Structure formats: structure tokens, C-alpha cells
Amino acid sequence: MNIELDFSDEINANKKSGEKDRPDSKSWKKAQSPKKKSKALSKEDFKPHAMYDKKGKKHMAKTYEDHIKMKDMGYTHDSKNIKS
């Protein structure tokens, strides 16, 4: 005989409004921590690499400035994410 007991109503009854769905403290701290940033944060970290336009044509970002211009034009790093 399997009997499942659900005590979530009793546990949540003691919590204030808005706290019922809050994750445990470890998960909460992880969610509040700063997000990781991209690899090329500055000119010093930049490495030349390929970028792809919306049609899938490959272009080389030889400088950090090229990369920023291409990014602004909608180029991506993944040739598989091409919009038809």
C-alpha cells in the first residue's frame, strides 16, 4: 500500500505572502550573483574569429571594432542559427 503525504500546505501556511514560491537560500544566492560575461570583454581580450550574416555568409572579425560593427548588424557566431 503506497500512501503519499503532501505537507506543502502546512509548510507554506507559516510563510508570508510572496515567500511561498521562493527557492531555498543556496539557490536564491546563486540566482542573485553576478552573471558571467562574454569572453571578449575588451580590445585586449579580443581574438579574430568568424561571424555569420543572416544569410549564412562567413565574415572575419579581424579587430574588436569589426566585431562590434558586425554584432550591431545582427551577425552571430553560429552558422547554424540562420534566419530564412
PDB file of N, CA and C in Angstrom:
ATOM      1  N   MET A   1       0.845  -1.171   0.000  1.00  0.00           N
ATOM      2  CA  MET A   1       0.000   0.000   0.000  1.00  0.00           C
ATOM      3  C   MET A   1       0.898   1.245   0.000  1.00  0.00           C
ATOM      4  N   ASN A   2       0.746   2.076  -1.010  1.00  0.00           N
ATOM      5  CA  ASN A   2       1.505   3.320  -1.128  1.00  0.00           C
ATOM      6  C   ASN A   2       0.631   4.502  -0.735  1.00  0.00           C
ATOM      7  N   ILE A   3       1.073   5.232   0.243  1.00  0.00           N
ATOM      8  CA  ILE A   3       0.355   6.429   0.662  1.00  0.00           C
ATOM      9  C   ILE A   3       1.317   7.605   0.531  1.00  0.00           C
ATOM     10  N   GLU A   4       0.922   8.591  -0.263  1.00  0.00           N
ATOM     11  CA  GLU A   4       1.747   9.783  -0.424  1.00  0.00           C
ATOM     12  C   GLU A   4       1.171  10.896   0.438  1.00  0.00           C
ATOM     13  N   LEU A   5       2.023  11.479   1.225  1.00  0.00           N
ATOM     14  CA  LEU A   5       1.600  12.575   2.084  1.00  0.00           C
ATOM     15  C   LEU A   5       2.146  13.882   1.528  1.00  0.00           C
ATOM     16  N   ASP A   6       1.304  14.889   1.497  1.00  0.00           N
ATOM     17  CA  ASP A   6       1.704  16.201   0.998  1.00  0.00           C
ATOM     18  C   ASP A   6       1.554  17.211   2.128  1.00  0.00           C
ATOM     19  N   PHE A   7       2.698  17.679   2.617  1.00  0.00           N
ATOM     20  CA  PHE A   7       2.695  18.648   3.708  1.00  0.00           C
ATOM     21  C   PHE A   7       2.985  20.067   3.229  1.00  0.00           C
ATOM     22  N   SER A   8       2.985  20.279   1.922  1.00  0.00           N
ATOM     23  CA  SER A   8       3.346  21.597   1.396  1.00  0.00           C
ATOM     24  C   SER A   8       2.392  22.684   1.875  1.00  0.00           C
ATOM     25  N   ASP A   9       1.109  22.367   2.042  1.00  0.00           N
ATOM     26  CA  ASP A   9       0.166  23.378   2.523  1.00  0.00           C
ATOM     27  C   ASP A   9       0.494  23.810   3.940  1.00  0.00           C
ATOM     28  N   GLU A  10       0.879  22.843   4.783  1.00  0.00           N
ATOM     29  CA  GLU A  10       1.230  23.174   6.160  1.00  0.00           C
ATOM     30  C   GLU A  10       2.529  23.969   6.227  1.00  0.00           C
ATOM     31  N   ILE A  11       3.500  23.615   5.380  1.00  0.00           N
ATOM     32  CA  ILE A  11       4.783  24.322   5.355  1.00  0.00           C
ATOM     33  C   ILE A  11       4.587  25.747   4.858  1.00  0.00           C
ATOM     34  N   ASN A  12       3.809  25.900   3.779  1.00  0.00           N
ATOM     35  CA  ASN A  12       3.596  27.221   3.189  1.00  0.00           C
ATOM     36  C   ASN A  12       2.647  28.086   4.013  1.00  0.00           C
ATOM     37  N   ALA A  13       1.857  27.503   4.902  1.00  0.00           N
ATOM     38  CA  ALA A  13       0.909  28.270   5.699  1.00  0.00           C
ATOM     39  C   ALA A  13       1.626  29.232   6.640  1.00  0.00           C
ATOM     40  N   ASN A  14       2.833  28.894   7.079  1.00  0.00           N
ATOM     41  CA  ASN A  14       3.576  29.741   8.003  1.00  0.00           C
ATOM     42  C   ASN A  14       4.367  30.844   7.305  1.00  0.00           C
ATOM     43  N   LYS A  15       4.447  30.792   5.996  1.00  0.00           N
ATOM     44  CA  LYS A  15       5.226  31.778   5.254  1.00  0.00           C
ATOM     45  C   LYS A  15       4.367  33.000   4.934  1.00  0.00           C
ATOM     46  N   LYS A  16       5.041  34.126   4.768  1.00  0.00           N
ATOM     47  CA  LYS A  16       4.367  35.363   4.398  1.00  0.00           C
ATOM     48  C   LYS A  16       3.984  35.312   2.926  1.00  0.00           C
ATOM     49  N   SER A  17       3.078  36.185   2.552  1.00  0.00           N
ATOM     50  CA  SER A  17       2.671  36.287   1.159  1.00  0.00           C
ATOM     51  C   SER A  17       3.887  36.651   0.306  1.00  0.00           C
ATOM     52  N   GLY A  18       4.086  35.976  -0.811  1.00  0.00           N
ATOM     53  CA  GLY A  18       5.215  36.247  -1.686  1.00  0.00           C
ATOM     54  C   GLY A  18       6.423  35.375  -1.415  1.00  0.00           C
ATOM     55  N   GLU A  19       6.463  34.698  -0.281  1.00  0.00           N
ATOM     56  CA  GLU A  19       7.595  33.834   0.051  1.00  0.00           C
ATOM     57  C   GLU A  19       7.313  32.371  -0.273  1.00  0.00           C
ATOM     58  N   LYS A  20       6.118  32.045  -0.620  1.00  0.00           N
ATOM     59  CA  LYS A  20       5.736  30.643  -0.804  1.00  0.00           C
ATOM     60  C   LYS A  20       6.490  29.972  -1.939  1.00  0.00           C
ATOM     61  N   ASP A  21       6.797  30.724  -2.977  1.00  0.00           N
ATOM     62  CA  ASP A  21       7.470  30.133  -4.131  1.00  0.00           C
ATOM     63  C   ASP A  21       8.955  30.448  -4.173  1.00  0.00           C
ATOM     64  N   ARG A  22       9.476  31.067  -3.134  1.00  0.00           N
ATOM     65  CA  ARG A  22      10.889  31.432  -3.112  1.00  0.00           C
ATOM     66  C   ARG A  22      11.751  30.179  -2.961  1.00  0.00           C
ATOM     67  N   PRO A  23      12.834  30.073  -3.741  1.00  0.00           N
ATOM     68  CA  PRO A  23      13.710  28.895  -3.648  1.00  0.00           C
ATOM     69  C   PRO A  23      14.503  28.880  -2.341  1.00  0.00           C
ATOM     70  N   ASP A  24      15.168  27.764  -2.083  1.00  0.00           N
ATOM     71  CA  ASP A  24      15.997  27.656  -0.882  1.00  0.00           C
ATOM     72  C   ASP A  24      17.117  28.693  -0.934  1.00  0.00           C
ATOM     73  N   SER A  25      17.753  28.945   0.197  1.00  0.00           N
ATOM     74  CA  SER A  25      18.721  30.044   0.299  1.00  0.00           C
ATOM     75  C   SER A  25      19.912  29.880  -0.643  1.00  0.00           C
ATOM     76  N   LYS A  26      20.397  28.648  -0.845  1.00  0.00           N
ATOM     77  CA  LYS A  26      21.539  28.430  -1.735  1.00  0.00           C
ATOM     78  C   LYS A  26      21.178  28.786  -3.179  1.00  0.00           C
ATOM     79  N   SER A  27      20.010  28.352  -3.619  1.00  0.00           N
ATOM     80  CA  SER A  27      19.566  28.665  -4.983  1.00  0.00           C
ATOM     81  C   SER A  27      19.303  30.151  -5.145  1.00  0.00           C
ATOM     82  N   TRP A  28      18.761  30.775  -4.096  1.00  0.00           N
ATOM     83  CA  TRP A  28      18.489  32.210  -4.140  1.00  0.00           C
ATOM     84  C   TRP A  28      19.779  33.006  -4.301  1.00  0.00           C
ATOM     85  N   LYS A  29      20.822  32.653  -3.533  1.00  0.00           N
ATOM     86  CA  LYS A  29      22.098  33.348  -3.616  1.00  0.00           C
ATOM     87  C   LYS A  29      22.722  33.183  -5.002  1.00  0.00           C
ATOM     88  N   LYS A  30      22.625  31.981  -5.565  1.00  0.00           N
ATOM     89  CA  LYS A  30      23.177  31.719  -6.889  1.00  0.00           C
ATOM     90  C   LYS A  30      22.471  32.571  -7.942  1.00  0.00           C
ATOM     91  N   ALA A  31      21.155  32.689  -7.817  1.00  0.00           N
ATOM     92  CA  ALA A  31      20.385  33.481  -8.779  1.00  0.00           C
ATOM     93  C   ALA A  31      20.698  34.969  -8.655  1.00  0.00           C
ATOM     94  N   GLN A  32      21.075  35.424  -7.470  1.00  0.00           N
ATOM     95  CA  GLN A  32      21.361  36.837  -7.248  1.00  0.00           C
ATOM     96  C   GLN A  32      22.800  37.217  -7.565  1.00  0.00           C
ATOM     97  N   SER A  33      23.675  36.225  -7.762  1.00  0.00           N
ATOM     98  CA  SER A  33      25.084  36.514  -8.032  1.00  0.00           C
ATOM     99  C   SER A  33      25.242  37.107  -9.430  1.00  0.00           C
ATOM    100  N   PRO A  34      26.314  37.863  -9.656  1.00  0.00           N
ATOM    101  CA  PRO A  34      26.540  38.476 -10.968  1.00  0.00           C
ATOM    102  C   PRO A  34      26.647  37.413 -12.059  1.00  0.00           C
ATOM    103  N   LYS A  35      26.107  37.722 -13.208  1.00  0.00           N
ATOM    104  CA  LYS A  35      26.144  36.797 -14.342  1.00  0.00           C
ATOM    105  C   LYS A  35      27.529  36.818 -14.980  1.00  0.00           C
ATOM    106  N   LYS A  36      27.904  35.679 -15.560  1.00  0.00           N
ATOM    107  CA  LYS A  36      29.178  35.596 -16.264  1.00  0.00           C
ATOM    108  C   LYS A  36      29.081  36.420 -17.534  1.00  0.00           C
ATOM    109  N   LYS A  37      30.154  37.103 -17.864  1.00  0.00           N
ATOM    110  CA  LYS A  37      30.171  37.950 -19.050  1.00  0.00           C
ATOM    111  C   LYS A  37      30.831  37.212 -20.206  1.00  0.00           C
ATOM    112  N   SER A  38      30.661  37.747 -21.385  1.00  0.00           N
ATOM    113  CA  SER A  38      31.221  37.111 -22.573  1.00  0.00           C
ATOM    114  C   SER A  38      32.749  37.125 -22.526  1.00  0.00           C
ATOM    115  N   LYS A  39      33.346  36.312 -23.375  1.00  0.00           N
ATOM    116  CA  LYS A  39      34.799  36.154 -23.383  1.00  0.00           C
ATOM    117  C   LYS A  39      35.525  37.433 -23.807  1.00  0.00           C
ATOM    118  N   ALA A  40      35.067  38.070 -24.870  1.00  0.00           N
ATOM    119  CA  ALA A  40      35.747  39.263 -25.385  1.00  0.00           C
ATOM    120  C   ALA A  40      35.177  40.512 -24.718  1.00  0.00           C
ATOM    121  N   LEU A  41      35.696  40.840 -23.565  1.00  0.00           N
ATOM    122  CA  LEU A  41      35.205  41.994 -22.831  1.00  0.00           C
ATOM    123  C   LEU A  41      35.832  43.287 -23.302  1.00  0.00           C
ATOM    124  N   SER A  42      37.015  43.203 -23.854  1.00  0.00           N
ATOM    125  CA  SER A  42      37.711  44.421 -24.249  1.00  0.00           C
ATOM    126  C   SER A  42      38.613  44.136 -25.446  1.00  0.00           C
ATOM    127  N   LYS A  43      39.238  45.179 -25.914  1.00  0.00           N
ATOM    128  CA  LYS A  43      40.160  45.034 -27.042  1.00  0.00           C
ATOM    129  C   LYS A  43      41.314  44.094 -26.707  1.00  0.00           C
ATOM    130  N   GLU A  44      41.767  44.125 -25.477  1.00  0.00           N
ATOM    131  CA  GLU A  44      42.899  43.286 -25.066  1.00  0.00           C
ATOM    132  C   GLU A  44      42.548  41.794 -25.104  1.00  0.00           C
ATOM    133  N   ASP A  45      41.279  41.451 -24.846  1.00  0.00           N
ATOM    134  CA  ASP A  45      40.855  40.053 -24.814  1.00  0.00           C
ATOM    135  C   ASP A  45      40.413  39.526 -26.182  1.00  0.00           C
ATOM    136  N   PHE A  46      40.280  40.389 -27.154  1.00  0.00           N
ATOM    137  CA  PHE A  46      39.726  40.015 -28.449  1.00  0.00           C
ATOM    138  C   PHE A  46      40.670  39.107 -29.237  1.00  0.00           C
ATOM    139  N   LYS A  47      40.059  38.110 -29.903  1.00  0.00           N
ATOM    140  CA  LYS A  47      40.783  37.229 -30.828  1.00  0.00           C
ATOM    141  C   LYS A  47      39.998  37.203 -32.137  1.00  0.00           C
ATOM    142  N   PRO A  48      40.664  37.331 -33.287  1.00  0.00           N
ATOM    143  CA  PRO A  48      39.965  37.284 -34.573  1.00  0.00           C
ATOM    144  C   PRO A  48      39.173  35.979 -34.714  1.00  0.00           C
ATOM    145  N   HIS A  49      37.963  36.097 -35.273  1.00  0.00           N
ATOM    146  CA  HIS A  49      37.110  34.917 -35.416  1.00  0.00           C
ATOM    147  C   HIS A  49      36.054  35.166 -36.491  1.00  0.00           C
ATOM    148  N   ALA A  50      35.409  34.089 -36.906  1.00  0.00           N
ATOM    149  CA  ALA A  50      34.374  34.166 -37.937  1.00  0.00           C
ATOM    150  C   ALA A  50      33.036  34.558 -37.327  1.00  0.00           C
ATOM    151  N   MET A  51      32.289  35.349 -38.100  1.00  0.00           N
ATOM    152  CA  MET A  51      30.915  35.683 -37.752  1.00  0.00           C
ATOM    153  C   MET A  51      30.076  35.476 -39.007  1.00  0.00           C
ATOM    154  N   TYR A  52      28.784  35.256 -38.822  1.00  0.00           N
ATOM    155  CA  TYR A  52      27.918  34.906 -39.946  1.00  0.00           C
ATOM    156  C   TYR A  52      26.762  35.879 -40.052  1.00  0.00           C
ATOM    157  N   ASP A  53      26.497  36.329 -41.300  1.00  0.00           N
ATOM    158  CA  ASP A  53      25.368  37.234 -41.513  1.00  0.00           C
ATOM    159  C   ASP A  53      24.073  36.429 -41.537  1.00  0.00           C
ATOM    160  N   LYS A  54      22.956  37.116 -41.769  1.00  0.00           N
ATOM    161  CA  LYS A  54      21.651  36.465 -41.708  1.00  0.00           C
ATOM    162  C   LYS A  54      21.445  35.432 -42.811  1.00  0.00           C
ATOM    163  N   LYS A  55      22.222  35.535 -43.885  1.00  0.00           N
ATOM    164  CA  LYS A  55      22.125  34.562 -44.977  1.00  0.00           C
ATOM    165  C   LYS A  55      23.091  33.403 -44.803  1.00  0.00           C
ATOM    166  N   GLY A  56      23.938  33.481 -43.789  1.00  0.00           N
ATOM    167  CA  GLY A  56      24.883  32.403 -43.528  1.00  0.00           C
ATOM    168  C   GLY A  56      26.266  32.620 -44.110  1.00  0.00           C
ATOM    169  N   LYS A  57      26.490  33.778 -44.713  1.00  0.00           N
ATOM    170  CA  LYS A  57      27.796  34.061 -45.295  1.00  0.00           C
ATOM    171  C   LYS A  57      28.800  34.364 -44.188  1.00  0.00           C
ATOM    172  N   LYS A  58      29.957  33.770 -44.306  1.00  0.00           N
ATOM    173  CA  LYS A  58      31.014  33.905 -43.302  1.00  0.00           C
ATOM    174  C   LYS A  58      31.806  35.196 -43.522  1.00  0.00           C
ATOM    175  N   HIS A  59      32.030  35.930 -42.427  1.00  0.00           N
ATOM    176  CA  HIS A  59      32.843  37.143 -42.442  1.00  0.00           C
ATOM    177  C   HIS A  59      33.823  37.045 -41.282  1.00  0.00           C
ATOM    178  N   MET A  60      35.017  37.562 -41.483  1.00  0.00           N
ATOM    179  CA  MET A  60      36.015  37.532 -40.413  1.00  0.00           C
ATOM    180  C   MET A  60      36.018  38.850 -39.641  1.00  0.00           C
ATOM    181  N   ALA A  61      35.903  38.732 -38.333  1.00  0.00           N
ATOM    182  CA  ALA A  61      36.043  39.895 -37.459  1.00  0.00           C
ATOM    183  C   ALA A  61      37.521  39.949 -37.087  1.00  0.00           C
ATOM    184  N   LYS A  62      38.268  40.779 -37.803  1.00  0.00           N
ATOM    185  CA  LYS A  62      39.716  40.839 -37.593  1.00  0.00           C
ATOM    186  C   LYS A  62      40.092  41.727 -36.417  1.00  0.00           C
ATOM    187  N   THR A  63      39.239  42.694 -36.101  1.00  0.00           N
ATOM    188  CA  THR A  63      39.513  43.605 -34.986  1.00  0.00           C
ATOM    189  C   THR A  63      38.296  43.650 -34.069  1.00  0.00           C
ATOM    190  N   TYR A  64      38.494  44.184 -32.887  1.00  0.00           N
ATOM    191  CA  TYR A  64      37.403  44.336 -31.937  1.00  0.00           C
ATOM    192  C   TYR A  64      36.327  45.259 -32.515  1.00  0.00           C
ATOM    193  N   GLU A  65      36.754  46.290 -33.229  1.00  0.00           N
ATOM    194  CA  GLU A  65      35.816  47.221 -33.841  1.00  0.00           C
ATOM    195  C   GLU A  65      34.966  46.517 -34.904  1.00  0.00           C
ATOM    196  N   ASP A  66      35.610  45.642 -35.712  1.00  0.00           N
ATOM    197  CA  ASP A  66      34.857  44.845 -36.693  1.00  0.00           C
ATOM    198  C   ASP A  66      33.795  44.012 -35.994  1.00  0.00           C
ATOM    199  N   HIS A  67      34.179  43.400 -34.900  1.00  0.00           N
ATOM    200  CA  HIS A  67      33.262  42.546 -34.147  1.00  0.00           C
ATOM    201  C   HIS A  67      32.036  43.340 -33.679  1.00  0.00           C
ATOM    202  N   ILE A  68      32.261  44.508 -33.118  1.00  0.00           N
ATOM    203  CA  ILE A  68      31.156  45.333 -32.618  1.00  0.00           C
ATOM    204  C   ILE A  68      30.240  45.766 -33.764  1.00  0.00           C
ATOM    205  N   LYS A  69      30.822  46.164 -34.911  1.00  0.00           N
ATOM    206  CA  LYS A  69      30.015  46.559 -36.065  1.00  0.00           C
ATOM    207  C   LYS A  69      29.154  45.391 -36.548  1.00  0.00           C
ATOM    208  N   MET A  70      29.765  44.205 -36.640  1.00  0.00           N
ATOM    209  CA  MET A  70      29.028  43.029 -37.099  1.00  0.00           C
ATOM    210  C   MET A  70      27.932  42.637 -36.111  1.00  0.00           C
ATOM    211  N   LYS A  71      28.235  42.729 -34.849  1.00  0.00           N
ATOM    212  CA  LYS A  71      27.245  42.420 -33.816  1.00  0.00           C
ATOM    213  C   LYS A  71      26.043  43.350 -33.951  1.00  0.00           C
ATOM    214  N   ASP A  72      26.310  44.643 -34.158  1.00  0.00           N
ATOM    215  CA  ASP A  72      25.243  45.631 -34.321  1.00  0.00           C
ATOM    216  C   ASP A  72      24.407  45.372 -35.579  1.00  0.00           C
ATOM    217  N   MET A  73      25.019  44.756 -36.595  1.00  0.00           N
ATOM    218  CA  MET A  73      24.303  44.436 -37.829  1.00  0.00           C
ATOM    219  C   MET A  73      23.541  43.109 -37.722  1.00  0.00           C
ATOM    220  N   GLY A  74      23.661  42.434 -36.594  1.00  0.00           N
ATOM    221  CA  GLY A  74      22.915  41.192 -36.398  1.00  0.00           C
ATOM    222  C   GLY A  74      23.681  39.924 -36.725  1.00  0.00           C
ATOM    223  N   TYR A  75      24.969  40.019 -36.961  1.00  0.00           N
ATOM    224  CA  TYR A  75      25.784  38.834 -37.238  1.00  0.00           C
ATOM    225  C   TYR A  75      25.905  38.007 -35.958  1.00  0.00           C
ATOM    226  N   THR A  76      26.062  36.688 -36.140  1.00  0.00           N
ATOM    227  CA  THR A  76      26.207  35.790 -34.994  1.00  0.00           C
ATOM    228  C   THR A  76      27.498  34.992 -35.115  1.00  0.00           C
ATOM    229  N   HIS A  77      27.797  34.230 -34.073  1.00  0.00           N
ATOM    230  CA  HIS A  77      28.986  33.367 -34.078  1.00  0.00           C
ATOM    231  C   HIS A  77      28.657  31.966 -34.591  1.00  0.00           C
ATOM    232  N   ASP A  78      27.394  31.658 -34.714  1.00  0.00           N
ATOM    233  CA  ASP A  78      26.977  30.302 -35.065  1.00  0.00           C
ATOM    234  C   ASP A  78      26.353  30.277 -36.457  1.00  0.00           C
ATOM    235  N   SER A  79      26.944  29.516 -37.365  1.00  0.00           N
ATOM    236  CA  SER A  79      26.426  29.441 -38.726  1.00  0.00           C
ATOM    237  C   SER A  79      25.111  28.669 -38.785  1.00  0.00           C
ATOM    238  N   LYS A  80      24.776  27.952 -37.739  1.00  0.00           N
ATOM    239  CA  LYS A  80      23.533  27.151 -37.725  1.00  0.00           C
ATOM    240  C   LYS A  80      22.300  27.973 -37.364  1.00  0.00           C
ATOM    241  N   ASN A  81      22.494  29.161 -36.797  1.00  0.00           N
ATOM    242  CA  ASN A  81      21.360  30.000 -36.407  1.00  0.00           C
ATOM    243  C   ASN A  81      21.017  31.005 -37.485  1.00  0.00           C
ATOM    244  N   ILE A  82      20.779  30.522 -38.674  1.00  0.00           N
ATOM    245  CA  ILE A  82      20.497  31.395 -39.805  1.00  0.00           C
ATOM    246  C   ILE A  82      18.998  31.529 -39.959  1.00  0.00           C
ATOM    247  N   LYS A  83      18.525  32.782 -40.097  1.00  0.00           N
ATOM    248  CA  LYS A  83      17.108  33.044 -40.289  1.00  0.00           C
ATOM    249  C   LYS A  83      16.802  32.994 -41.778  1.00  0.00           C
ATOM    250  N   SER A  84      15.754  32.275 -42.121  1.00  0.00           N
ATOM    251  CA  SER A  84      15.368  32.155 -43.535  1.00  0.00           C
ATOM    252  C   SER A  84      14.511  33.311 -43.973  1.00  0.00           C
TER     253      SER A  84
END
